[in-house]
Amino acid sequence: MFNTPTHAGIVAKLNFSVPEDVKAAFDDAFRGENRSRILSELMREAVEAKQRAQRRVTAIDPLLVLRAQAPRVAATERDAARLHLRGEDA
């Protein structure tokens, strides 16, 4: 899915600003580690999370349309049907 140095030989250089306290905390937490690799992994995770969220939106929208078209049922009628299906009706 992603171009990584080990897979595609393609590397992009990024330059962005972050709050100083975030940079300091990141440096402390990942001291001695390959920060480029860590940032790449965090970016991959962010992209995947965004894509999952979009897939959820895409999946739920048709269901919401169907739900809006469904007939309304009174709560008492719904509860009675549940009890009946559970074999608990009086």
C-alpha atoms as a PDB file:
ATOM      1  CA  MET A   1       0.000   0.000   0.000  1.00  0.00           C
ATOM      2  CA  PHE A   2       2.728   2.448   0.941  1.00  0.00           C
ATOM      3  CA  ASN A   3       6.025   3.202  -0.738  1.00  0.00           C
ATOM      4  CA  THR A   4       8.714   2.495   1.802  1.00  0.00           C
ATOM      5  CA  PRO A   5      12.480   2.633   1.288  1.00  0.00           C
ATOM      6  CA  THR A   6      12.718  -1.129   1.694  1.00  0.00           C
ATOM      7  CA  HIS A   7       9.960  -1.821  -0.825  1.00  0.00           C
ATOM      8  CA  ALA A   8      10.000   0.871  -3.467  1.00  0.00           C
ATOM      9  CA  GLY A   9      13.260   2.756  -3.018  1.00  0.00           C
ATOM     10  CA  ILE A  10      11.285   6.006  -2.902  1.00  0.00           C
ATOM     11  CA  VAL A  11      11.730   8.418  -0.019  1.00  0.00           C
ATOM     12  CA  ALA A  12      10.062  11.815   0.346  1.00  0.00           C
ATOM     13  CA  LYS A  13      11.376  14.557   2.567  1.00  0.00           C
ATOM     14  CA  LEU A  14       8.873  16.463   4.717  1.00  0.00           C
ATOM     15  CA  ASN A  15       9.289  19.711   6.581  1.00  0.00           C
ATOM     16  CA  PHE A  16       6.588  20.719   9.050  1.00  0.00           C
ATOM     17  CA  SER A  17       6.243  22.513  12.347  1.00  0.00           C
ATOM     18  CA  VAL A  18       5.016  21.087  15.635  1.00  0.00           C
ATOM     19  CA  PRO A  19       4.635  22.670  19.063  1.00  0.00           C
ATOM     20  CA  GLU A  20       7.902  22.664  20.999  1.00  0.00           C
ATOM     21  CA  ASP A  21       6.438  20.611  23.871  1.00  0.00           C
ATOM     22  CA  VAL A  22       5.326  17.894  21.421  1.00  0.00           C
ATOM     23  CA  LYS A  23       8.787  17.775  19.833  1.00  0.00           C
ATOM     24  CA  ALA A  24      10.470  17.576  23.239  1.00  0.00           C
ATOM     25  CA  ALA A  25       8.143  14.780  24.400  1.00  0.00           C
ATOM     26  CA  PHE A  26       8.671  12.890  21.133  1.00  0.00           C
ATOM     27  CA  ASP A  27      12.455  13.264  21.399  1.00  0.00           C
ATOM     28  CA  ASP A  28      12.382  12.020  25.005  1.00  0.00           C
ATOM     29  CA  ALA A  29      10.089   9.092  24.241  1.00  0.00           C
ATOM     30  CA  PHE A  30      12.011   7.901  21.188  1.00  0.00           C
ATOM     31  CA  ARG A  31      15.587   8.849  22.058  1.00  0.00           C
ATOM     32  CA  GLY A  32      18.061   6.572  20.316  1.00  0.00           C
ATOM     33  CA  GLU A  33      15.472   5.235  17.871  1.00  0.00           C
ATOM     34  CA  ASN A  34      15.059   5.894  14.179  1.00  0.00           C
ATOM     35  CA  ARG A  35      12.647   8.801  14.384  1.00  0.00           C
ATOM     36  CA  SER A  36      12.040   8.848  10.629  1.00  0.00           C
ATOM     37  CA  ARG A  37      10.848   5.242  10.805  1.00  0.00           C
ATOM     38  CA  ILE A  38       8.641   6.033  13.794  1.00  0.00           C
ATOM     39  CA  LEU A  39       7.108   9.097  12.119  1.00  0.00           C
ATOM     40  CA  SER A  40       6.525   7.068   8.953  1.00  0.00           C
ATOM     41  CA  GLU A  41       4.713   4.394  10.961  1.00  0.00           C
ATOM     42  CA  LEU A  42       2.607   6.994  12.803  1.00  0.00           C
ATOM     43  CA  MET A  43       1.680   8.583   9.474  1.00  0.00           C
ATOM     44  CA  ARG A  44       0.724   5.176   8.044  1.00  0.00           C
ATOM     45  CA  GLU A  45      -1.472   4.531  11.077  1.00  0.00           C
ATOM     46  CA  ALA A  46      -3.127   7.939  10.671  1.00  0.00           C
ATOM     47  CA  VAL A  47      -3.828   7.283   6.982  1.00  0.00           C
ATOM     48  CA  GLU A  48      -5.260   3.844   7.746  1.00  0.00           C
ATOM     49  CA  ALA A  49      -7.459   5.262  10.533  1.00  0.00           C
ATOM     50  CA  LYS A  50      -8.771   7.947   8.179  1.00  0.00           C
ATOM     51  CA  GLN A  51      -9.499   5.327   5.507  1.00  0.00           C
ATOM     52  CA  ARG A  52     -11.306   3.098   8.043  1.00  0.00           C
ATOM     53  CA  ALA A  53     -13.416   6.055   9.149  1.00  0.00           C
ATOM     54  CA  GLN A  54     -14.344   6.794   5.525  1.00  0.00           C
ATOM     55  CA  ARG A  55     -15.265   3.141   4.934  1.00  0.00           C
ATOM     56  CA  ARG A  56     -17.530   3.278   8.008  1.00  0.00           C
ATOM     57  CA  VAL A  57     -19.256   6.389   6.672  1.00  0.00           C
ATOM     58  CA  THR A  58     -19.656   4.752   3.275  1.00  0.00           C
ATOM     59  CA  ALA A  59     -21.110   1.617   4.870  1.00  0.00           C
ATOM     60  CA  ILE A  60     -23.470   3.327   7.318  1.00  0.00           C
ATOM     61  CA  ASP A  61     -25.069   5.853   4.960  1.00  0.00           C
ATOM     62  CA  PRO A  62     -27.164   3.295   3.018  1.00  0.00           C
ATOM     63  CA  LEU A  63     -28.245   1.704   6.308  1.00  0.00           C
ATOM     64  CA  LEU A  64     -29.387   5.060   7.651  1.00  0.00           C
ATOM     65  CA  VAL A  65     -31.426   5.627   4.493  1.00  0.00           C
ATOM     66  CA  LEU A  66     -33.115   2.242   4.963  1.00  0.00           C
ATOM     67  CA  ARG A  67     -33.748   2.962   8.618  1.00  0.00           C
ATOM     68  CA  ALA A  68     -35.386   6.276   7.770  1.00  0.00           C
ATOM     69  CA  GLN A  69     -37.733   4.437   5.380  1.00  0.00           C
ATOM     70  CA  ALA A  70     -38.656   1.704   7.866  1.00  0.00           C
ATOM     71  CA  PRO A  71     -42.056   1.905   9.519  1.00  0.00           C
ATOM     72  CA  ARG A  72     -42.095   3.232  13.072  1.00  0.00           C
ATOM     73  CA  VAL A  73     -43.009   0.793  15.829  1.00  0.00           C
ATOM     74  CA  ALA A  74     -44.204   1.820  19.269  1.00  0.00           C
ATOM     75  CA  ALA A  75     -41.855   0.929  22.112  1.00  0.00           C
ATOM     76  CA  THR A  76     -44.500  -1.227  23.778  1.00  0.00           C
ATOM     77  CA  GLU A  77     -45.044  -3.168  20.562  1.00  0.00           C
ATOM     78  CA  ARG A  78     -41.287  -3.590  20.114  1.00  0.00           C
ATOM     79  CA  ASP A  79     -40.839  -4.795  23.698  1.00  0.00           C
ATOM     80  CA  ALA A  80     -43.710  -7.258  23.358  1.00  0.00           C
ATOM     81  CA  ALA A  81     -42.164  -8.676  20.172  1.00  0.00           C
ATOM     82  CA  ARG A  82     -38.823  -9.131  21.918  1.00  0.00           C
ATOM     83  CA  LEU A  83     -40.422 -10.944  24.809  1.00  0.00           C
ATOM     84  CA  HIS A  84     -42.358 -13.145  22.396  1.00  0.00           C
ATOM     85  CA  LEU A  85     -39.195 -14.052  20.460  1.00  0.00           C
ATOM     86  CA  ARG A  86     -37.457 -14.908  23.726  1.00  0.00           C
ATOM     87  CA  GLY A  87     -40.395 -17.067  24.749  1.00  0.00           C
ATOM     88  CA  GLU A  88     -41.070 -14.816  27.712  1.00  0.00           C
ATOM     89  CA  ASP A  89     -44.479 -13.505  26.689  1.00  0.00           C
ATOM     90  CA  ALA A  90     -47.250 -13.770  29.192  1.00  0.00           C
END
